[in-house]
All heavy atoms as atom14 arrays in JSON, in Angstrom:
{
  "sequence": "NYADSVKGRFTISTDNAKNTVYLQMNNLKPEDTTVYYCNADVR",
  "atom14_mask": [
    [1, 1, 1, 1, 1, 1, 1, 1, 0, 0, 0, 0, 0, 0],
    [1, 1, 1, 1, 1, 1, 1, 1, 1, 1, 1, 1, 0, 0],
    [1, 1, 1, 1, 1, 0, 0, 0, 0, 0, 0, 0, 0, 0],
    [1, 1, 1, 1, 1, 1, 1, 1, 0, 0, 0, 0, 0, 0],
    [1, 1, 1, 1, 1, 1, 0, 0, 0, 0, 0, 0, 0, 0],
    [1, 1, 1, 1, 1, 1, 1, 0, 0, 0, 0, 0, 0, 0],
    [1, 1, 1, 1, 1, 1, 1, 1, 1, 0, 0, 0, 0, 0],
    [1, 1, 1, 1, 0, 0, 0, 0, 0, 0, 0, 0, 0, 0],
    [1, 1, 1, 1, 1, 1, 1, 1, 1, 1, 1, 0, 0, 0],
    [1, 1, 1, 1, 1, 1, 1, 1, 1, 1, 1, 0, 0, 0],
    [1, 1, 1, 1, 1, 1, 1, 0, 0, 0, 0, 0, 0, 0],
    [1, 1, 1, 1, 1, 1, 1, 1, 0, 0, 0, 0, 0, 0],
    [1, 1, 1, 1, 1, 1, 0, 0, 0, 0, 0, 0, 0, 0],
    [1, 1, 1, 1, 1, 1, 1, 0, 0, 0, 0, 0, 0, 0],
    [1, 1, 1, 1, 1, 1, 1, 1, 0, 0, 0, 0, 0, 0],
    [1, 1, 1, 1, 1, 1, 1, 1, 0, 0, 0, 0, 0, 0],
    [1, 1, 1, 1, 1, 0, 0, 0, 0, 0, 0, 0, 0, 0],
    [1, 1, 1, 1, 1, 1, 1, 1, 1, 0, 0, 0, 0, 0],
    [1, 1, 1, 1, 1, 1, 1, 1, 0, 0, 0, 0, 0, 0],
    [1, 1, 1, 1, 1, 1, 1, 0, 0, 0, 0, 0, 0, 0],
    [1, 1, 1, 1, 1, 1, 1, 0, 0, 0, 0, 0, 0, 0],
    [1, 1, 1, 1, 1, 1, 1, 1, 1, 1, 1, 1, 0, 0],
    [1, 1, 1, 1, 1, 1, 1, 1, 0, 0, 0, 0, 0, 0],
    [1, 1, 1, 1, 1, 1, 1, 1, 1, 0, 0, 0, 0, 0],
    [1, 1, 1, 1, 1, 1, 1, 1, 0, 0, 0, 0, 0, 0],
    [1, 1, 1, 1, 1, 1, 1, 1, 0, 0, 0, 0, 0, 0],
    [1, 1, 1, 1, 1, 1, 1, 1, 0, 0, 0, 0, 0, 0],
    [1, 1, 1, 1, 1, 1, 1, 1, 0, 0, 0, 0, 0, 0],
    [1, 1, 1, 1, 1, 1, 1, 1, 1, 0, 0, 0, 0, 0],
    [1, 1, 1, 1, 1, 1, 1, 0, 0, 0, 0, 0, 0, 0],
    [1, 1, 1, 1, 1, 1, 1, 1, 1, 0, 0, 0, 0, 0],
    [1, 1, 1, 1, 1, 1, 1, 1, 0, 0, 0, 0, 0, 0],
    [1, 1, 1, 1, 1, 1, 1, 0, 0, 0, 0, 0, 0, 0],
    [1, 1, 1, 1, 1, 1, 1, 0, 0, 0, 0, 0, 0, 0],
    [1, 1, 1, 1, 1, 1, 1, 0, 0, 0, 0, 0, 0, 0],
    [1, 1, 1, 1, 1, 1, 1, 1, 1, 1, 1, 1, 0, 0],
    [1, 1, 1, 1, 1, 1, 1, 1, 1, 1, 1, 1, 0, 0],
    [1, 1, 1, 1, 1, 1, 0, 0, 0, 0, 0, 0, 0, 0],
    [1, 1, 1, 1, 1, 1, 1, 1, 0, 0, 0, 0, 0, 0],
    [1, 1, 1, 1, 1, 0, 0, 0, 0, 0, 0, 0, 0, 0],
    [1, 1, 1, 1, 1, 1, 1, 1, 0, 0, 0, 0, 0, 0],
    [1, 1, 1, 1, 1, 1, 1, 0, 0, 0, 0, 0, 0, 0],
    [1, 1, 1, 1, 1, 1, 1, 1, 1, 1, 1, 0, 0, 0]
  ],
  "atom14_positions": [
    [[7.4, 4.14, 4.51], [6.67, 4.67, 5.69], [5.28, 4.26, 5.62], [4.73, 4.09, 4.56], [6.89, 6.17, 5.88], [6.22, 6.98, 4.74], [5.08, 7.36, 4.85], [6.99, 7.25, 3.67], [0.0, 0.0, 0.0], [0.0, 0.0, 0.0], [0.0, 0.0, 0.0], [0.0, 0.0, 0.0], [0.0, 0.0, 0.0], [0.0, 0.0, 0.0]],
    [[4.68, 4.05, 6.82], [3.32, 3.55, 6.93], [2.56, 4.31, 7.93], [3.11, 4.87, 8.91], [3.35, 2.11, 7.38], [4.06, 1.09, 6.44], [5.39, 0.88, 6.58], [3.3, 0.48, 5.49], [6.03, -0.04, 5.72], [3.94, -0.41, 4.58], [5.31, -0.64, 4.69], [5.95, -1.51, 3.83], [0.0, 0.0, 0.0], [0.0, 0.0, 0.0]],
    [[1.24, 4.37, 7.73], [0.39, 4.9, 8.75], [0.4, 3.99, 9.98], [0.54, 2.76, 9.78], [-1.04, 5.0, 8.21], [0.0, 0.0, 0.0], [0.0, 0.0, 0.0], [0.0, 0.0, 0.0], [0.0, 0.0, 0.0], [0.0, 0.0, 0.0], [0.0, 0.0, 0.0], [0.0, 0.0, 0.0], [0.0, 0.0, 0.0], [0.0, 0.0, 0.0]],
    [[0.26, 4.55, 11.15], [0.35, 3.75, 12.35], [-0.74, 2.61, 12.37], [-0.5, 1.5, 12.87], [0.18, 4.6, 13.59], [1.38, 5.48, 13.87], [2.48, 5.21, 13.37], [1.24, 6.48, 14.61], [0.0, 0.0, 0.0], [0.0, 0.0, 0.0], [0.0, 0.0, 0.0], [0.0, 0.0, 0.0], [0.0, 0.0, 0.0], [0.0, 0.0, 0.0]],
    [[-1.88, 2.91, 11.81], [-2.94, 1.94, 11.86], [-2.73, 0.65, 10.99], [-3.42, -0.32, 11.14], [-4.27, 2.62, 11.34], [-4.12, 3.08, 10.0], [0.0, 0.0, 0.0], [0.0, 0.0, 0.0], [0.0, 0.0, 0.0], [0.0, 0.0, 0.0], [0.0, 0.0, 0.0], [0.0, 0.0, 0.0], [0.0, 0.0, 0.0], [0.0, 0.0, 0.0]],
    [[-1.72, 0.67, 10.07], [-1.49, -0.46, 9.21], [-0.08, -1.03, 9.41], [0.2, -2.08, 8.78], [-1.66, -0.1, 7.75], [-2.99, 0.56, 7.45], [-0.53, 0.79, 7.26], [0.0, 0.0, 0.0], [0.0, 0.0, 0.0], [0.0, 0.0, 0.0], [0.0, 0.0, 0.0], [0.0, 0.0, 0.0], [0.0, 0.0, 0.0], [0.0, 0.0, 0.0]],
    [[0.73, -0.48, 10.26], [2.02, -1.03, 10.51], [1.95, -2.46, 11.03], [1.13, -2.79, 11.91], [2.76, -0.17, 11.54], [3.29, 1.15, 10.98], [4.03, 1.91, 12.08], [4.55, 3.23, 11.47], [5.26, 4.04, 12.48], [0.0, 0.0, 0.0], [0.0, 0.0, 0.0], [0.0, 0.0, 0.0], [0.0, 0.0, 0.0], [0.0, 0.0, 0.0]],
    [[2.78, -3.33, 10.43], [2.7, -4.7, 10.81], [1.78, -5.56, 10.02], [1.8, -6.8, 10.09], [0.0, 0.0, 0.0], [0.0, 0.0, 0.0], [0.0, 0.0, 0.0], [0.0, 0.0, 0.0], [0.0, 0.0, 0.0], [0.0, 0.0, 0.0], [0.0, 0.0, 0.0], [0.0, 0.0, 0.0], [0.0, 0.0, 0.0], [0.0, 0.0, 0.0]],
    [[0.81, -4.94, 9.32], [-0.2, -5.62, 8.58], [-0.1, -5.4, 7.01], [-0.31, -6.31, 6.27], [-1.64, -5.21, 8.96], [-1.93, -5.5, 10.41], [-3.41, -5.22, 10.77], [-3.76, -3.81, 10.56], [-4.68, -3.39, 9.73], [-5.34, -4.29, 8.95], [-4.96, -2.06, 9.61], [0.0, 0.0, 0.0], [0.0, 0.0, 0.0], [0.0, 0.0, 0.0]],
    [[0.36, -4.21, 6.62], [0.47, -3.87, 5.18], [1.93, -3.76, 4.86], [2.76, -3.29, 5.6], [-0.23, -2.57, 4.87], [-1.7, -2.52, 4.94], [-2.43, -3.6, 5.47], [-2.4, -1.4, 4.54], [-3.82, -3.59, 5.65], [-3.79, -1.39, 4.65], [-4.49, -2.46, 5.15], [0.0, 0.0, 0.0], [0.0, 0.0, 0.0], [0.0, 0.0, 0.0]],
    [[2.27, -4.14, 3.62], [3.6, -4.01, 3.08], [3.6, -3.39, 1.68], [2.9, -3.91, 0.82], [4.36, -5.33, 3.01], [4.33, -5.98, 4.35], [5.77, -5.21, 2.54], [0.0, 0.0, 0.0], [0.0, 0.0, 0.0], [0.0, 0.0, 0.0], [0.0, 0.0, 0.0], [0.0, 0.0, 0.0], [0.0, 0.0, 0.0], [0.0, 0.0, 0.0]],
    [[4.39, -2.38, 1.46], [4.47, -1.75, 0.14], [5.78, -2.19, -0.48], [6.78, -2.33, 0.14], [4.37, -0.2, 0.21], [4.28, 0.42, -1.17], [5.61, 0.36, 1.03], [3.97, 1.96, -1.14], [0.0, 0.0, 0.0], [0.0, 0.0, 0.0], [0.0, 0.0, 0.0], [0.0, 0.0, 0.0], [0.0, 0.0, 0.0], [0.0, 0.0, 0.0]],
    [[5.69, -2.43, -1.84], [6.88, -2.85, -2.59], [6.74, -2.4, -4.01], [5.64, -1.97, -4.44], [7.06, -4.36, -2.53], [5.95, -5.0, -3.12], [0.0, 0.0, 0.0], [0.0, 0.0, 0.0], [0.0, 0.0, 0.0], [0.0, 0.0, 0.0], [0.0, 0.0, 0.0], [0.0, 0.0, 0.0], [0.0, 0.0, 0.0], [0.0, 0.0, 0.0]],
    [[7.81, -2.43, -4.76], [7.79, -2.02, -6.16], [8.48, -3.03, -7.04], [9.34, -3.76, -6.57], [8.47, -0.63, -6.37], [9.85, -0.74, -5.91], [7.75, 0.43, -5.6], [0.0, 0.0, 0.0], [0.0, 0.0, 0.0], [0.0, 0.0, 0.0], [0.0, 0.0, 0.0], [0.0, 0.0, 0.0], [0.0, 0.0, 0.0], [0.0, 0.0, 0.0]],
    [[8.11, -3.0, -8.32], [8.85, -3.64, -9.39], [9.24, -2.55, -10.33], [8.5, -2.07, -11.13], [7.96, -4.72, -10.1], [8.73, -5.42, -11.21], [9.76, -4.96, -11.67], [8.28, -6.49, -11.61], [0.0, 0.0, 0.0], [0.0, 0.0, 0.0], [0.0, 0.0, 0.0], [0.0, 0.0, 0.0], [0.0, 0.0, 0.0], [0.0, 0.0, 0.0]],
    [[10.47, -2.04, -10.14], [10.92, -0.88, -10.84], [10.93, -1.08, -12.44], [10.66, -0.13, -13.18], [12.25, -0.39, -10.38], [12.23, 0.14, -9.0], [11.23, 0.69, -8.53], [13.31, -0.02, -8.3], [0.0, 0.0, 0.0], [0.0, 0.0, 0.0], [0.0, 0.0, 0.0], [0.0, 0.0, 0.0], [0.0, 0.0, 0.0], [0.0, 0.0, 0.0]],
    [[11.29, -2.28, -12.82], [11.28, -2.58, -14.23], [9.93, -2.39, -14.92], [9.84, -2.16, -16.1], [11.88, -3.93, -14.51], [0.0, 0.0, 0.0], [0.0, 0.0, 0.0], [0.0, 0.0, 0.0], [0.0, 0.0, 0.0], [0.0, 0.0, 0.0], [0.0, 0.0, 0.0], [0.0, 0.0, 0.0], [0.0, 0.0, 0.0], [0.0, 0.0, 0.0]],
    [[8.87, -2.6, -14.11], [7.53, -2.51, -14.61], [6.83, -1.29, -14.21], [5.6, -1.09, -14.5], [6.67, -3.74, -14.17], [7.21, -5.06, -14.69], [6.31, -6.22, -14.24], [6.78, -7.56, -14.8], [5.91, -8.69, -14.39], [0.0, 0.0, 0.0], [0.0, 0.0, 0.0], [0.0, 0.0, 0.0], [0.0, 0.0, 0.0], [0.0, 0.0, 0.0]],
    [[7.48, -0.36, -13.52], [6.91, 0.85, -13.01], [5.6, 0.56, -12.25], [4.56, 1.24, -12.41], [6.6, 1.84, -14.11], [7.89, 2.4, -14.72], [8.88, 2.66, -14.0], [7.91, 2.64, -16.02], [0.0, 0.0, 0.0], [0.0, 0.0, 0.0], [0.0, 0.0, 0.0], [0.0, 0.0, 0.0], [0.0, 0.0, 0.0], [0.0, 0.0, 0.0]],
    [[5.67, -0.42, -11.35], [4.49, -0.94, -10.66], [4.76, -0.94, -9.14], [5.87, -1.33, -8.67], [4.13, -2.31, -11.11], [3.82, -2.35, -12.5], [2.94, -2.86, -10.37], [0.0, 0.0, 0.0], [0.0, 0.0, 0.0], [0.0, 0.0, 0.0], [0.0, 0.0, 0.0], [0.0, 0.0, 0.0], [0.0, 0.0, 0.0], [0.0, 0.0, 0.0]],
    [[3.77, -0.52, -8.38], [3.86, -0.53, -6.95], [2.74, -1.47, -6.44], [1.66, -1.55, -7.0], [3.69, 0.89, -6.35], [2.32, 1.47, -6.64], [3.94, 0.85, -4.81], [0.0, 0.0, 0.0], [0.0, 0.0, 0.0], [0.0, 0.0, 0.0], [0.0, 0.0, 0.0], [0.0, 0.0, 0.0], [0.0, 0.0, 0.0], [0.0, 0.0, 0.0]],
    [[3.0, -2.16, -5.37], [2.06, -3.12, -4.74], [1.77, -2.75, -3.28], [2.61, -2.16, -2.64], [2.59, -4.54, -4.81], [3.03, -4.97, -6.15], [4.36, -4.87, -6.59], [2.08, -5.59, -7.02], [4.71, -5.33, -7.81], [2.5, -5.97, -8.29], [3.78, -5.87, -8.69], [4.21, -6.3, -9.93], [0.0, 0.0, 0.0], [0.0, 0.0, 0.0]],
    [[0.6, -3.13, -2.84], [0.3, -3.0, -1.44], [-0.29, -4.33, -0.97], [-1.44, -4.65, -1.32], [-0.7, -1.88, -1.15], [-1.02, -1.62, 0.32], [0.27, -1.07, 1.0], [-2.13, -0.64, 0.47], [0.0, 0.0, 0.0], [0.0, 0.0, 0.0], [0.0, 0.0, 0.0], [0.0, 0.0, 0.0], [0.0, 0.0, 0.0], [0.0, 0.0, 0.0]],
    [[0.51, -5.1, -0.25], [0.09, -6.35, 0.33], [-0.61, -6.07, 1.63], [-0.03, -5.47, 2.54], [1.23, -7.32, 0.53], [0.82, -8.65, 1.2], [0.04, -9.49, 0.3], [0.31, -9.64, -0.87], [-1.13, -10.05, 0.84], [0.0, 0.0, 0.0], [0.0, 0.0, 0.0], [0.0, 0.0, 0.0], [0.0, 0.0, 0.0], [0.0, 0.0, 0.0]],
    [[-1.9, -6.43, 1.78], [-2.67, -6.12, 2.92], [-3.13, -7.4, 3.56], [-3.92, -8.2, 3.06], [-3.95, -5.31, 2.5], [-3.67, -3.98, 1.78], [-5.11, -3.06, 1.33], [-5.81, -4.12, 0.08], [0.0, 0.0, 0.0], [0.0, 0.0, 0.0], [0.0, 0.0, 0.0], [0.0, 0.0, 0.0], [0.0, 0.0, 0.0], [0.0, 0.0, 0.0]],
    [[-2.6, -7.67, 4.74], [-2.91, -8.78, 5.54], [-3.7, -8.42, 6.78], [-3.66, -7.32, 7.24], [-1.62, -9.54, 5.97], [-0.8, -10.02, 4.79], [-1.4, -10.41, 3.78], [0.49, -10.09, 5.0], [0.0, 0.0, 0.0], [0.0, 0.0, 0.0], [0.0, 0.0, 0.0], [0.0, 0.0, 0.0], [0.0, 0.0, 0.0], [0.0, 0.0, 0.0]],
    [[-4.42, -9.44, 7.33], [-5.21, -9.25, 8.54], [-6.07, -8.0, 8.43], [-6.08, -7.14, 9.24], [-4.35, -9.13, 9.74], [-5.04, -9.22, 11.06], [-6.17, -9.74, 11.08], [-4.47, -8.6, 12.11], [0.0, 0.0, 0.0], [0.0, 0.0, 0.0], [0.0, 0.0, 0.0], [0.0, 0.0, 0.0], [0.0, 0.0, 0.0], [0.0, 0.0, 0.0]],
    [[-6.84, -7.95, 7.29], [-7.69, -6.81, 7.07], [-8.75, -6.68, 8.11], [-9.31, -7.65, 8.6], [-8.34, -6.93, 5.67], [-7.37, -6.58, 4.53], [-7.92, -7.11, 3.24], [-7.25, -5.03, 4.44], [0.0, 0.0, 0.0], [0.0, 0.0, 0.0], [0.0, 0.0, 0.0], [0.0, 0.0, 0.0], [0.0, 0.0, 0.0], [0.0, 0.0, 0.0]],
    [[-9.07, -5.43, 8.47], [-10.1, -5.09, 9.43], [-11.24, -4.32, 8.79], [-11.0, -3.67, 7.79], [-9.49, -4.29, 10.58], [-8.3, -5.0, 11.28], [-7.71, -4.04, 12.36], [-6.56, -4.69, 13.05], [-5.99, -3.77, 14.12], [0.0, 0.0, 0.0], [0.0, 0.0, 0.0], [0.0, 0.0, 0.0], [0.0, 0.0, 0.0], [0.0, 0.0, 0.0]],
    [[-12.44, -4.33, 9.34], [-13.54, -3.62, 8.8], [-13.17, -2.12, 8.65], [-13.6, -1.49, 7.7], [-14.65, -3.78, 9.82], [-14.38, -5.19, 10.36], [-12.89, -5.24, 10.5], [0.0, 0.0, 0.0], [0.0, 0.0, 0.0], [0.0, 0.0, 0.0], [0.0, 0.0, 0.0], [0.0, 0.0, 0.0], [0.0, 0.0, 0.0], [0.0, 0.0, 0.0]],
    [[-12.41, -1.55, 9.52], [-12.05, -0.16, 9.46], [-11.11, 0.13, 8.29], [-10.85, 1.36, 7.99], [-11.42, 0.39, 10.79], [-10.34, -0.5, 11.34], [-10.85, -1.5, 12.38], [-11.89, -2.09, 12.18], [-10.19, -1.6, 13.42], [0.0, 0.0, 0.0], [0.0, 0.0, 0.0], [0.0, 0.0, 0.0], [0.0, 0.0, 0.0], [0.0, 0.0, 0.0]],
    [[-10.57, -0.87, 7.64], [-9.73, -0.63, 6.42], [-10.63, -0.42, 5.21], [-10.09, -0.11, 4.14], [-8.86, -1.84, 6.17], [-7.82, -2.03, 7.26], [-7.22, -1.07, 7.75], [-7.57, -3.26, 7.62], [0.0, 0.0, 0.0], [0.0, 0.0, 0.0], [0.0, 0.0, 0.0], [0.0, 0.0, 0.0], [0.0, 0.0, 0.0], [0.0, 0.0, 0.0]],
    [[-11.9, -0.62, 5.32], [-12.83, -0.58, 4.17], [-12.93, 0.85, 3.64], [-13.42, 1.75, 4.39], [-14.2, -1.1, 4.57], [-14.11, -2.53, 4.9], [-15.19, -0.97, 3.39], [0.0, 0.0, 0.0], [0.0, 0.0, 0.0], [0.0, 0.0, 0.0], [0.0, 0.0, 0.0], [0.0, 0.0, 0.0], [0.0, 0.0, 0.0], [0.0, 0.0, 0.0]],
    [[-12.55, 1.01, 2.43], [-12.69, 2.34, 1.72], [-12.08, 2.17, 0.36], [-11.67, 1.12, -0.03], [-12.04, 3.49, 2.54], [-12.39, 4.77, 1.97], [-10.55, 3.32, 2.61], [0.0, 0.0, 0.0], [0.0, 0.0, 0.0], [0.0, 0.0, 0.0], [0.0, 0.0, 0.0], [0.0, 0.0, 0.0], [0.0, 0.0, 0.0], [0.0, 0.0, 0.0]],
    [[-11.94, 3.34, -0.36], [-11.3, 3.31, -1.61], [-9.83, 3.72, -1.47], [-9.48, 4.69, -0.73], [-12.0, 4.3, -2.61], [-11.26, 4.35, -3.96], [-13.47, 3.91, -2.81], [0.0, 0.0, 0.0], [0.0, 0.0, 0.0], [0.0, 0.0, 0.0], [0.0, 0.0, 0.0], [0.0, 0.0, 0.0], [0.0, 0.0, 0.0], [0.0, 0.0, 0.0]],
    [[-8.94, 2.98, -2.1], [-7.5, 3.2, -2.06], [-7.03, 3.8, -3.36], [-7.4, 3.28, -4.45], [-6.78, 1.88, -1.77], [-6.97, 1.46, -0.32], [-8.17, 0.98, 0.11], [-5.93, 1.51, 0.59], [-8.36, 0.58, 1.48], [-6.08, 1.13, 1.86], [-7.27, 0.7, 2.31], [-7.49, 0.29, 3.62], [0.0, 0.0, 0.0], [0.0, 0.0, 0.0]],
    [[-6.24, 4.82, -3.29], [-5.7, 5.56, -4.48], [-4.18, 5.45, -4.54], [-3.52, 5.67, -3.59], [-6.15, 6.99, -4.43], [-7.6, 7.22, -4.54], [-8.44, 7.31, -3.41], [-8.28, 7.29, -5.79], [-9.77, 7.47, -3.46], [-9.63, 7.5, -5.87], [-10.38, 7.6, -4.71], [-11.73, 7.79, -4.79], [0.0, 0.0, 0.0], [0.0, 0.0, 0.0]],
    [[-3.71, 5.07, -5.73], [-2.3, 5.1, -5.98], [-1.83, 6.47, -6.45], [-2.48, 7.17, -7.13], [-1.99, 4.05, -7.05], [-0.28, 3.95, -7.58], [0.0, 0.0, 0.0], [0.0, 0.0, 0.0], [0.0, 0.0, 0.0], [0.0, 0.0, 0.0], [0.0, 0.0, 0.0], [0.0, 0.0, 0.0], [0.0, 0.0, 0.0], [0.0, 0.0, 0.0]],
    [[-0.62, 6.9, -5.94], [-0.06, 8.12, -6.37], [1.44, 7.87, -6.79], [2.11, 7.07, -6.21], [-0.05, 9.12, -5.23], [0.66, 10.38, -5.51], [1.86, 10.52, -5.21], [-0.01, 11.38, -6.09], [0.0, 0.0, 0.0], [0.0, 0.0, 0.0], [0.0, 0.0, 0.0], [0.0, 0.0, 0.0], [0.0, 0.0, 0.0], [0.0, 0.0, 0.0]],
    [[1.87, 8.59, -7.77], [3.3, 8.55, -8.21], [3.81, 9.9, -8.53], [3.13, 10.72, -9.17], [3.39, 7.65, -9.43], [0.0, 0.0, 0.0], [0.0, 0.0, 0.0], [0.0, 0.0, 0.0], [0.0, 0.0, 0.0], [0.0, 0.0, 0.0], [0.0, 0.0, 0.0], [0.0, 0.0, 0.0], [0.0, 0.0, 0.0], [0.0, 0.0, 0.0]],
    [[5.03, 10.18, -8.13], [5.76, 11.37, -8.4], [6.68, 10.97, -9.58], [7.69, 10.3, -9.39], [6.54, 11.85, -7.22], [7.35, 13.14, -7.41], [7.01, 13.88, -8.42], [8.21, 13.44, -6.67], [0.0, 0.0, 0.0], [0.0, 0.0, 0.0], [0.0, 0.0, 0.0], [0.0, 0.0, 0.0], [0.0, 0.0, 0.0], [0.0, 0.0, 0.0]],
    [[6.38, 11.46, -10.75], [7.0, 11.02, -11.97], [7.82, 12.11, -12.6], [7.41, 13.27, -12.73], [5.94, 10.56, -12.99], [6.62, 10.07, -14.3], [5.11, 9.38, -12.43], [0.0, 0.0, 0.0], [0.0, 0.0, 0.0], [0.0, 0.0, 0.0], [0.0, 0.0, 0.0], [0.0, 0.0, 0.0], [0.0, 0.0, 0.0], [0.0, 0.0, 0.0]],
    [[9.03, 11.75, -13.05], [9.89, 12.66, -13.79], [9.71, 12.33, -15.28], [9.89, 11.2, -15.74], [11.36, 12.51, -13.41], [12.23, 13.58, -14.07], [13.72, 13.28, -13.77], [14.6, 14.34, -14.26], [15.9, 14.22, -14.43], [16.47, 13.15, -14.05], [16.61, 15.23, -14.88], [0.0, 0.0, 0.0], [0.0, 0.0, 0.0], [0.0, 0.0, 0.0]]
  ]
}
């Protein structure tokens, strides 16, 4: 799921073997400027 403001521009994906998540950000806009934080719900 995505925020409406980034739909069509950002793509989230995972490499489960590496416990890694990615955020591909294309067509970045000035309003995207800020700090981004990763979150994980871990068992």
